[in-house]
Amino acid sequence: MNSSIIGKIEKSKLYAAERTRMRVTTLSVEFHGENADHQVSLTDNGWTCTCEFFHDHGACAHSMALERVLQGMLPSHADSRLLTAKAS
């Protein structure tokens, strides 16, 4: 294997371990929920989800799960109102 490729692979491992180097700005995920599939998105305005709970509360299990998966890589406007309220 080419030594420059090996170097890039090693660098990618370092980057993956340093999550603070990455900042997710926009994201679209198809989430397979227990009852149905939902589209979860992160934009400049924060999270959106097609589930009814999100529509009523501004956050849901789908958006909060993605917040946990992406912890340390999200902009401040992506903080869930439900997670923030629970931490208070």
N, C-alpha and C. Protein backbone atom coordinates (compact mmCIF):
# COMPACT_ATOMS: atom_id res chain seq x y z
N MET A 1 0.85 -1.18 0.00
CA MET A 1 0.00 0.00 0.00
C MET A 1 0.89 1.24 0.00
N ASN A 2 0.49 2.22 -0.72
CA ASN A 2 1.22 3.48 -0.84
C ASN A 2 1.38 4.14 0.53
N SER A 3 2.57 4.63 0.85
CA SER A 3 2.82 5.23 2.17
C SER A 3 1.99 6.48 2.41
N SER A 4 1.64 7.21 1.37
CA SER A 4 0.81 8.41 1.58
C SER A 4 -0.62 8.01 1.97
N ILE A 5 -1.09 6.88 1.45
CA ILE A 5 -2.42 6.39 1.83
C ILE A 5 -2.41 5.94 3.28
N ILE A 6 -1.37 5.25 3.69
CA ILE A 6 -1.23 4.81 5.08
C ILE A 6 -1.22 6.02 6.01
N GLY A 7 -0.51 7.06 5.61
CA GLY A 7 -0.47 8.30 6.40
C GLY A 7 -1.86 8.93 6.53
N LYS A 8 -2.62 8.92 5.45
CA LYS A 8 -3.99 9.48 5.50
C LYS A 8 -4.90 8.65 6.38
N ILE A 9 -4.75 7.35 6.34
CA ILE A 9 -5.55 6.47 7.20
C ILE A 9 -5.24 6.75 8.66
N GLU A 10 -3.99 6.88 9.00
CA GLU A 10 -3.59 7.17 10.38
C GLU A 10 -4.11 8.55 10.81
N LYS A 11 -4.02 9.52 9.92
CA LYS A 11 -4.52 10.86 10.23
C LYS A 11 -6.03 10.83 10.45
N SER A 12 -6.75 10.03 9.66
CA SER A 12 -8.19 9.94 9.84
C SER A 12 -8.55 9.36 11.20
N LYS A 13 -7.76 8.42 11.69
CA LYS A 13 -7.99 7.85 13.03
C LYS A 13 -7.80 8.91 14.11
N LEU A 14 -6.78 9.74 13.96
CA LEU A 14 -6.57 10.84 14.91
C LEU A 14 -7.73 11.83 14.88
N TYR A 15 -8.15 12.20 13.69
CA TYR A 15 -9.27 13.12 13.56
C TYR A 15 -10.55 12.55 14.18
N ALA A 16 -10.80 11.27 13.95
CA ALA A 16 -12.00 10.63 14.48
C ALA A 16 -12.00 10.65 16.01
N ALA A 17 -10.83 10.57 16.61
CA ALA A 17 -10.73 10.59 18.07
C ALA A 17 -10.86 12.01 18.63
N GLU A 18 -10.65 13.01 17.80
CA GLU A 18 -10.73 14.41 18.23
C GLU A 18 -12.01 15.04 17.67
N ARG A 19 -13.14 14.66 18.29
CA ARG A 19 -14.45 15.09 17.80
C ARG A 19 -14.62 16.61 17.77
N THR A 20 -13.89 17.32 18.60
CA THR A 20 -14.03 18.78 18.64
C THR A 20 -13.48 19.44 17.37
N ARG A 21 -12.76 18.71 16.56
CA ARG A 21 -12.28 19.24 15.28
C ARG A 21 -13.42 19.39 14.27
N MET A 22 -14.51 18.66 14.51
CA MET A 22 -15.62 18.62 13.55
C MET A 22 -16.82 19.39 14.08
N ARG A 23 -17.50 20.08 13.20
CA ARG A 23 -18.71 20.80 13.55
C ARG A 23 -19.75 20.50 12.49
N VAL A 24 -20.82 19.81 12.87
CA VAL A 24 -21.91 19.51 11.94
C VAL A 24 -22.74 20.79 11.81
N THR A 25 -22.95 21.24 10.59
CA THR A 25 -23.72 22.46 10.38
C THR A 25 -25.10 22.16 9.80
N THR A 26 -25.18 21.21 8.89
CA THR A 26 -26.47 20.76 8.37
C THR A 26 -26.43 19.24 8.28
N LEU A 27 -27.62 18.65 8.42
CA LEU A 27 -27.68 17.19 8.45
C LEU A 27 -29.10 16.76 8.11
N SER A 28 -29.24 15.67 7.40
CA SER A 28 -30.54 15.09 7.12
C SER A 28 -30.41 13.58 7.30
N VAL A 29 -31.27 13.02 8.15
CA VAL A 29 -31.19 11.59 8.49
C VAL A 29 -32.57 10.96 8.38
N GLU A 30 -32.63 9.81 7.77
CA GLU A 30 -33.85 9.01 7.80
C GLU A 30 -33.75 8.12 9.03
N PHE A 31 -34.65 8.31 9.95
CA PHE A 31 -34.63 7.61 11.24
C PHE A 31 -35.71 6.54 11.24
N HIS A 32 -35.32 5.30 11.48
CA HIS A 32 -36.27 4.20 11.53
C HIS A 32 -36.75 4.03 12.97
N GLY A 33 -37.87 4.67 13.29
CA GLY A 33 -38.43 4.61 14.63
C GLY A 33 -39.19 3.32 14.87
N GLU A 34 -39.68 3.15 16.08
CA GLU A 34 -40.43 1.93 16.41
C GLU A 34 -41.76 1.85 15.68
N ASN A 35 -42.40 3.00 15.46
CA ASN A 35 -43.72 3.01 14.84
C ASN A 35 -43.71 3.40 13.37
N ALA A 36 -42.74 4.18 12.97
CA ALA A 36 -42.68 4.66 11.59
C ALA A 36 -41.30 5.24 11.32
N ASP A 37 -41.02 5.51 10.07
CA ASP A 37 -39.80 6.19 9.70
C ASP A 37 -40.04 7.70 9.75
N HIS A 38 -39.00 8.44 10.13
CA HIS A 38 -39.11 9.89 10.23
C HIS A 38 -37.88 10.54 9.62
N GLN A 39 -38.07 11.72 9.08
CA GLN A 39 -36.97 12.52 8.54
C GLN A 39 -36.57 13.52 9.60
N VAL A 40 -35.31 13.46 10.04
CA VAL A 40 -34.79 14.38 11.05
C VAL A 40 -33.73 15.24 10.38
N SER A 41 -33.82 16.54 10.58
CA SER A 41 -32.89 17.46 9.93
C SER A 41 -32.35 18.47 10.92
N LEU A 42 -31.13 18.91 10.66
CA LEU A 42 -30.52 20.01 11.39
C LEU A 42 -30.18 21.08 10.38
N THR A 43 -30.69 22.29 10.61
CA THR A 43 -30.42 23.43 9.73
C THR A 43 -29.95 24.59 10.60
N ASP A 44 -29.82 25.75 10.00
CA ASP A 44 -29.45 26.96 10.75
C ASP A 44 -30.48 27.29 11.83
N ASN A 45 -31.70 26.81 11.66
CA ASN A 45 -32.78 27.09 12.62
C ASN A 45 -32.90 26.03 13.70
N GLY A 46 -32.04 25.01 13.69
CA GLY A 46 -32.10 23.94 14.68
C GLY A 46 -32.69 22.68 14.10
N TRP A 47 -33.19 21.82 14.97
CA TRP A 47 -33.71 20.51 14.59
C TRP A 47 -35.14 20.58 14.06
N THR A 48 -35.46 19.66 13.17
CA THR A 48 -36.83 19.39 12.78
C THR A 48 -36.98 17.88 12.66
N CYS A 49 -38.18 17.39 12.89
CA CYS A 49 -38.49 15.98 12.72
C CYS A 49 -39.93 15.87 12.26
N THR A 50 -40.21 14.86 11.48
CA THR A 50 -41.55 14.69 10.94
C THR A 50 -42.49 13.98 11.91
N CYS A 51 -42.02 13.60 13.09
CA CYS A 51 -42.92 12.92 14.03
C CYS A 51 -43.84 13.91 14.74
N GLU A 52 -44.96 13.41 15.20
CA GLU A 52 -45.96 14.25 15.85
C GLU A 52 -45.44 14.84 17.17
N PHE A 53 -44.66 14.08 17.93
CA PHE A 53 -44.16 14.57 19.21
C PHE A 53 -43.30 15.82 19.00
N PHE A 54 -42.45 15.79 17.98
CA PHE A 54 -41.61 16.97 17.70
C PHE A 54 -42.49 18.16 17.37
N HIS A 55 -43.51 17.94 16.58
CA HIS A 55 -44.40 19.02 16.19
C HIS A 55 -45.01 19.69 17.42
N ASP A 56 -45.35 18.89 18.44
CA ASP A 56 -45.98 19.42 19.64
C ASP A 56 -44.99 19.99 20.66
N HIS A 57 -43.75 19.48 20.69
CA HIS A 57 -42.82 19.83 21.77
C HIS A 57 -41.50 20.46 21.31
N GLY A 58 -41.22 20.47 20.03
CA GLY A 58 -40.00 21.08 19.53
C GLY A 58 -38.76 20.23 19.71
N ALA A 59 -38.92 19.00 20.17
CA ALA A 59 -37.84 18.02 20.31
C ALA A 59 -38.50 16.65 20.41
N CYS A 60 -37.74 15.60 20.17
CA CYS A 60 -38.30 14.25 20.25
C CYS A 60 -37.17 13.25 20.48
N ALA A 61 -37.54 12.00 20.64
CA ALA A 61 -36.54 10.95 20.87
C ALA A 61 -35.58 10.85 19.69
N HIS A 62 -36.05 11.11 18.49
CA HIS A 62 -35.21 11.00 17.29
C HIS A 62 -34.15 12.10 17.27
N SER A 63 -34.58 13.34 17.51
CA SER A 63 -33.61 14.46 17.49
C SER A 63 -32.65 14.36 18.68
N MET A 64 -33.17 13.93 19.84
CA MET A 64 -32.29 13.81 21.02
C MET A 64 -31.29 12.66 20.86
N ALA A 65 -31.69 11.58 20.18
CA ALA A 65 -30.75 10.49 19.91
C ALA A 65 -29.60 10.97 19.04
N LEU A 66 -29.93 11.76 18.02
CA LEU A 66 -28.87 12.29 17.15
C LEU A 66 -27.98 13.27 17.90
N GLU A 67 -28.55 14.05 18.81
CA GLU A 67 -27.72 14.94 19.63
C GLU A 67 -26.70 14.14 20.43
N ARG A 68 -27.13 13.01 20.96
CA ARG A 68 -26.21 12.16 21.73
C ARG A 68 -25.13 11.55 20.84
N VAL A 69 -25.51 11.08 19.68
CA VAL A 69 -24.55 10.48 18.75
C VAL A 69 -23.51 11.51 18.31
N LEU A 70 -23.95 12.73 18.10
CA LEU A 70 -23.08 13.79 17.58
C LEU A 70 -22.54 14.72 18.67
N GLN A 71 -22.61 14.29 19.90
CA GLN A 71 -22.18 15.12 21.04
C GLN A 71 -20.77 15.67 20.81
N GLY A 72 -20.64 16.96 21.05
CA GLY A 72 -19.36 17.63 20.88
C GLY A 72 -19.12 18.14 19.47
N MET A 73 -20.01 17.81 18.54
CA MET A 73 -19.82 18.23 17.15
C MET A 73 -20.93 19.13 16.63
N LEU A 74 -21.85 19.51 17.52
CA LEU A 74 -23.00 20.31 17.09
C LEU A 74 -22.87 21.77 17.47
N PRO A 75 -23.40 22.67 16.66
CA PRO A 75 -23.41 24.08 17.03
C PRO A 75 -24.37 24.32 18.19
N SER A 76 -24.23 25.42 18.89
CA SER A 76 -25.04 25.68 20.08
C SER A 76 -26.53 25.75 19.77
N HIS A 77 -26.92 26.17 18.57
CA HIS A 77 -28.35 26.25 18.26
C HIS A 77 -29.00 24.87 18.11
N ALA A 78 -28.20 23.81 18.19
CA ALA A 78 -28.74 22.45 18.07
C ALA A 78 -29.08 21.83 19.42
N ASP A 79 -28.92 22.59 20.51
CA ASP A 79 -29.26 22.06 21.83
C ASP A 79 -30.76 21.84 21.93
N SER A 80 -31.13 20.66 22.37
CA SER A 80 -32.55 20.31 22.51
C SER A 80 -33.15 21.04 23.69
N ARG A 81 -34.35 21.55 23.49
CA ARG A 81 -35.06 22.20 24.58
C ARG A 81 -35.38 21.19 25.69
N LEU A 82 -35.68 19.96 25.32
CA LEU A 82 -36.02 18.96 26.34
C LEU A 82 -34.79 18.54 27.12
N LEU A 83 -33.66 18.32 26.46
CA LEU A 83 -32.43 17.92 27.16
C LEU A 83 -31.93 19.06 28.04
N THR A 84 -32.02 20.28 27.54
CA THR A 84 -31.57 21.45 28.30
C THR A 84 -32.43 21.64 29.55
N ALA A 85 -33.74 21.47 29.42
CA ALA A 85 -34.65 21.62 30.55
C ALA A 85 -34.40 20.56 31.60
N LYS A 86 -34.10 19.32 31.16
CA LYS A 86 -33.85 18.24 32.10
C LYS A 86 -32.56 18.47 32.86
N ALA A 87 -31.54 19.07 32.23
CA ALA A 87 -30.25 19.32 32.87
C ALA A 87 -30.35 20.42 33.92
N SER A 88 -31.35 21.28 33.82
CA SER A 88 -31.49 22.41 34.76
C SER A 88 -31.98 21.97 36.11
